Amino acid sequence: MLEKQFNPDVLYNRIVHFYIDKKGYSKEKANEIAQSVVQKEAQRRICKNEKCKHYSHDHIRNSETCLVAECDCHEFIK
Protein backbone atom coordinates (compact mmCIF):
# COMPACT_ATOMS: atom_id res chain seq x y z
CA MET A 1 0.00 0.00 0.00
CA LEU A 2 1.38 3.40 -0.99
CA GLU A 3 1.11 6.52 1.13
CA LYS A 4 -0.61 9.52 -0.42
CA GLN A 5 1.92 11.89 -1.96
CA PHE A 6 2.75 14.97 0.13
CA ASN A 7 1.58 18.21 -1.46
CA PRO A 8 3.08 21.18 0.43
CA ASP A 9 1.09 23.77 -1.54
CA VAL A 10 -2.27 22.38 -0.43
CA LEU A 11 -1.17 22.18 3.20
CA TYR A 12 0.31 25.68 3.06
CA ASN A 13 -2.89 27.20 1.64
CA ARG A 14 -5.12 25.43 4.14
CA ILE A 15 -3.02 26.64 7.08
CA VAL A 16 -2.84 30.23 5.84
CA HIS A 17 -6.60 30.40 5.28
CA PHE A 18 -7.31 28.82 8.67
CA TYR A 19 -5.20 31.34 10.57
CA ILE A 20 -6.50 34.33 8.60
CA ASP A 21 -10.19 33.34 8.49
CA LYS A 22 -10.70 31.53 11.79
CA LYS A 23 -8.05 33.02 14.07
CA GLY A 24 -7.90 36.56 12.66
CA TYR A 25 -4.10 36.60 12.25
CA SER A 26 -2.35 38.92 9.82
CA LYS A 27 -1.20 37.56 6.45
CA GLU A 28 2.44 37.81 7.51
CA LYS A 29 1.92 35.87 10.76
CA ALA A 30 -0.21 33.23 8.99
CA ASN A 31 2.51 32.80 6.34
CA GLU A 32 5.19 32.36 9.02
CA ILE A 33 3.14 29.69 10.77
CA ALA A 34 2.38 27.90 7.50
CA GLN A 35 6.04 27.87 6.45
CA SER A 36 7.04 26.40 9.79
CA VAL A 37 4.39 23.67 9.66
CA VAL A 38 5.14 22.72 6.04
CA GLN A 39 8.88 22.44 6.78
CA LYS A 40 8.22 20.19 9.79
CA GLU A 41 5.83 17.98 7.82
CA ALA A 42 8.27 17.65 4.92
CA GLN A 43 11.08 16.61 7.29
CA ARG A 44 8.78 14.12 9.00
CA ARG A 45 8.05 12.46 5.66
CA ILE A 46 11.71 12.04 4.61
CA CYS A 47 13.43 8.72 5.29
CA LYS A 48 16.15 9.23 7.90
CA ASN A 49 18.31 6.49 6.35
CA GLU A 50 21.50 8.24 5.18
CA LYS A 51 21.54 6.13 1.99
CA CYS A 52 17.97 6.97 1.06
CA LYS A 53 16.50 10.41 1.96
CA HIS A 54 13.40 9.76 -0.21
CA TYR A 55 9.87 10.72 0.84
CA SER A 56 7.64 8.22 2.61
CA HIS A 57 5.38 8.03 -0.47
CA ASP A 58 8.36 6.48 -2.28
CA HIS A 59 8.20 3.51 0.12
CA ILE A 60 5.74 0.64 0.30
CA ARG A 61 4.04 1.08 3.66
CA ASN A 62 3.72 -2.57 4.69
CA SER A 63 7.19 -3.79 3.76
CA GLU A 64 8.81 -0.32 4.07
CA THR A 65 10.74 -1.02 0.85
CA CYS A 66 11.90 1.97 -1.18
CA LEU A 67 10.38 2.19 -4.67
CA VAL A 68 13.31 4.10 -6.19
CA ALA A 69 15.19 1.60 -8.36
CA GLU A 70 18.73 2.79 -7.62
CA CYS A 71 18.19 3.01 -3.84
CA ASP A 72 19.61 0.47 -1.37
CA CYS A 73 17.09 1.37 1.37
CA HIS A 74 15.25 -1.67 2.70
CA GLU A 75 13.48 0.05 5.59
CA PHE A 76 11.84 3.44 6.06
CA ILE A 77 13.42 5.00 9.12
CA LYS A 78 11.39 7.58 11.04
C-alpha atoms as a PDB file:
ATOM      1  CA  MET A   1       0.000   0.000   0.000  1.00  0.00           C
ATOM      2  CA  LEU A   2       1.384   3.396  -0.988  1.00  0.00           C
ATOM      3  CA  GLU A   3       1.112   6.517   1.126  1.00  0.00           C
ATOM      4  CA  LYS A   4      -0.611   9.522  -0.425  1.00  0.00           C
ATOM      5  CA  GLN A   5       1.921  11.892  -1.956  1.00  0.00           C
ATOM      6  CA  PHE A   6       2.751  14.968   0.131  1.00  0.00           C
ATOM      7  CA  ASN A   7       1.582  18.208  -1.463  1.00  0.00           C
ATOM      8  CA  PRO A   8       3.084  21.175   0.431  1.00  0.00           C
ATOM      9  CA  ASP A   9       1.091  23.767  -1.543  1.00  0.00           C
ATOM     10  CA  VAL A  10      -2.270  22.375  -0.427  1.00  0.00           C
ATOM     11  CA  LEU A  11      -1.167  22.177   3.202  1.00  0.00           C
ATOM     12  CA  TYR A  12       0.310  25.681   3.061  1.00  0.00           C
ATOM     13  CA  ASN A  13      -2.888  27.202   1.636  1.00  0.00           C
ATOM     14  CA  ARG A  14      -5.121  25.433   4.145  1.00  0.00           C
ATOM     15  CA  ILE A  15      -3.018  26.637   7.083  1.00  0.00           C
ATOM     16  CA  VAL A  16      -2.842  30.226   5.839  1.00  0.00           C
ATOM     17  CA  HIS A  17      -6.597  30.397   5.278  1.00  0.00           C
ATOM     18  CA  PHE A  18      -7.311  28.819   8.668  1.00  0.00           C
ATOM     19  CA  TYR A  19      -5.198  31.343  10.569  1.00  0.00           C
ATOM     20  CA  ILE A  20      -6.504  34.328   8.600  1.00  0.00           C
ATOM     21  CA  ASP A  21     -10.186  33.337   8.485  1.00  0.00           C
ATOM     22  CA  LYS A  22     -10.699  31.526  11.788  1.00  0.00           C
ATOM     23  CA  LYS A  23      -8.054  33.020  14.070  1.00  0.00           C
ATOM     24  CA  GLY A  24      -7.898  36.560  12.655  1.00  0.00           C
ATOM     25  CA  TYR A  25      -4.100  36.602  12.254  1.00  0.00           C
ATOM     26  CA  SER A  26      -2.350  38.923   9.821  1.00  0.00           C
ATOM     27  CA  LYS A  27      -1.195  37.560   6.453  1.00  0.00           C
ATOM     28  CA  GLU A  28       2.445  37.807   7.513  1.00  0.00           C
ATOM     29  CA  LYS A  29       1.918  35.874  10.758  1.00  0.00           C
ATOM     30  CA  ALA A  30      -0.211  33.228   8.991  1.00  0.00           C
ATOM     31  CA  ASN A  31       2.511  32.804   6.341  1.00  0.00           C
ATOM     32  CA  GLU A  32       5.191  32.359   9.024  1.00  0.00           C
ATOM     33  CA  ILE A  33       3.143  29.689  10.774  1.00  0.00           C
ATOM     34  CA  ALA A  34       2.377  27.903   7.499  1.00  0.00           C
ATOM     35  CA  GLN A  35       6.043  27.869   6.448  1.00  0.00           C
ATOM     36  CA  SER A  36       7.042  26.395   9.786  1.00  0.00           C
ATOM     37  CA  VAL A  37       4.394  23.667   9.664  1.00  0.00           C
ATOM     38  CA  VAL A  38       5.140  22.723   6.042  1.00  0.00           C
ATOM     39  CA  GLN A  39       8.878  22.441   6.781  1.00  0.00           C
ATOM     40  CA  LYS A  40       8.222  20.192   9.789  1.00  0.00           C
ATOM     41  CA  GLU A  41       5.826  17.981   7.823  1.00  0.00           C
ATOM     42  CA  ALA A  42       8.266  17.653   4.923  1.00  0.00           C
ATOM     43  CA  GLN A  43      11.078  16.612   7.289  1.00  0.00           C
ATOM     44  CA  ARG A  44       8.782  14.120   9.001  1.00  0.00           C
ATOM     45  CA  ARG A  45       8.048  12.459   5.658  1.00  0.00           C
ATOM     46  CA  ILE A  46      11.705  12.039   4.608  1.00  0.00           C
ATOM     47  CA  CYS A  47      13.428   8.717   5.295  1.00  0.00           C
ATOM     48  CA  LYS A  48      16.155   9.231   7.896  1.00  0.00           C
ATOM     49  CA  ASN A  49      18.306   6.494   6.352  1.00  0.00           C
ATOM     50  CA  GLU A  50      21.502   8.236   5.181  1.00  0.00           C
ATOM     51  CA  LYS A  51      21.544   6.131   1.995  1.00  0.00           C
ATOM     52  CA  CYS A  52      17.970   6.971   1.056  1.00  0.00           C
ATOM     53  CA  LYS A  53      16.505  10.407   1.961  1.00  0.00           C
ATOM     54  CA  HIS A  54      13.398   9.759  -0.208  1.00  0.00           C
ATOM     55  CA  TYR A  55       9.870  10.719   0.836  1.00  0.00           C
ATOM     56  CA  SER A  56       7.644   8.215   2.606  1.00  0.00           C
ATOM     57  CA  HIS A  57       5.375   8.030  -0.468  1.00  0.00           C
ATOM     58  CA  ASP A  58       8.360   6.476  -2.284  1.00  0.00           C
ATOM     59  CA  HIS A  59       8.196   3.508   0.121  1.00  0.00           C
ATOM     60  CA  ILE A  60       5.741   0.639   0.300  1.00  0.00           C
ATOM     61  CA  ARG A  61       4.037   1.084   3.659  1.00  0.00           C
ATOM     62  CA  ASN A  62       3.724  -2.569   4.692  1.00  0.00           C
ATOM     63  CA  SER A  63       7.193  -3.789   3.757  1.00  0.00           C
ATOM     64  CA  GLU A  64       8.810  -0.321   4.066  1.00  0.00           C
ATOM     65  CA  THR A  65      10.735  -1.019   0.847  1.00  0.00           C
ATOM     66  CA  CYS A  66      11.905   1.966  -1.184  1.00  0.00           C
ATOM     67  CA  LEU A  67      10.383   2.192  -4.668  1.00  0.00           C
ATOM     68  CA  VAL A  68      13.308   4.104  -6.194  1.00  0.00           C
ATOM     69  CA  ALA A  69      15.187   1.596  -8.355  1.00  0.00           C
ATOM     70  CA  GLU A  70      18.725   2.794  -7.619  1.00  0.00           C
ATOM     71  CA  CYS A  71      18.194   3.010  -3.841  1.00  0.00           C
ATOM     72  CA  ASP A  72      19.609   0.471  -1.366  1.00  0.00           C
ATOM     73  CA  CYS A  73      17.093   1.374   1.366  1.00  0.00           C
ATOM     74  CA  HIS A  74      15.253  -1.669   2.695  1.00  0.00           C
ATOM     75  CA  GLU A  75      13.475   0.052   5.587  1.00  0.00           C
ATOM     76  CA  PHE A  76      11.837   3.443   6.056  1.00  0.00           C
ATOM     77  CA  ILE A  77      13.424   5.004   9.122  1.00  0.00           C
ATOM     78  CA  LYS A  78      11.390   7.581  11.041  1.00  0.00           C
END
